């Protein structure tokens, strides 16, 4: 219901062209999401069996990324139309109303901590929540793993426009293409993960998928140096998606980004599920809130780190290589934590491939 009100205010901000109103709505949407996210993931174990949680998290994750993709593309295209402001305003209101109606269909879930006292000192409560998350090592390690995924992914997503224009010599069409490939790849990774683990709550494929993210990232560094740009780009004009894809070697860049995204999808779903299952019922939503706080801090760290590397005259491919090397250390640390899971995942894959066992 709050989202409908916020979208109404946002529509007003668009029509009167007031930046302050729009920034206020943006801030409040972030606040509303901070309430919405922990509840959304927190109630899943109430409505799904344990062997359904991997699939449930995968579907939510896939739908979220596809929604972000569609919203980004639709918003960017529709706002440029003659009556773009009106069309976008109507769309955000319709979507928020659909969200409200969908929320009404969610089965009721009783609060597991009805006597909880709210601490309005948000700084102290943030420290308290993170302390609760640290109390259980598997849960906290899952949170750190999820936060690293957002650090890693935010580095790529934030650099796509610059990467497309400066390295690929391409226009906004290619930015949209890269965003599509990344979002769809993560969604497919979510679904593949459920097929791989068959509903088991296990981190078996986390180490292997982290290693695959590093391999694809390193190959992206080398692929970026072999990009073929059309002749029109040589005189300062950026090429479109069709021109970019007309060269076979450029598909390697697309393939690497798709591989990174699929591996990331397989990597993150088990961590969300372990966090949910490992948390106490009465603390689950607050543990997920702690996860969101740390995710945000890691994403800010990603932006600051990329800025520092750019100031040191790193090129974008070199930034991607740096993040790949850092991810290699993360992958090795996961392998150290779960050595048996890495070996099992490799051997299981080989047995399934060669012997269908």
Foldseek 3Di string as FASTA:
>chain_A
DVQLVLLLQCLVCLVVVPPVSNVVSVVVVVVVVLVVVLVVLLCVVVPDPLLCQLVVLLVVLLVVLVVVLVCVVCLVVQCPDPCSSVVVSVVSNVVVVVVVVVVVPDDDDDQPCVPDDDDPPVVVVLVVLVVQQVVDPLLVVLLVLLLLLLLLVLLCLVCLQVCCCPQQVAHVQVSSVLSVLLSNLLSLLSVVLCVLVVSDLDQLCQLVLLLQLLVLLLVLLVLSVVQDADPVSVVPHGHHPVRRVVDPSSVSNSVSSSSNNSSSNNNNSSSSSCNNVVDDSNCSSSNVSSSVVSSVVSSVVSVVVVVVVVVVVDDSSSVSNVSSVVSVVVSVVVCVVPVVSHVVSVVVVVCCVPPVD
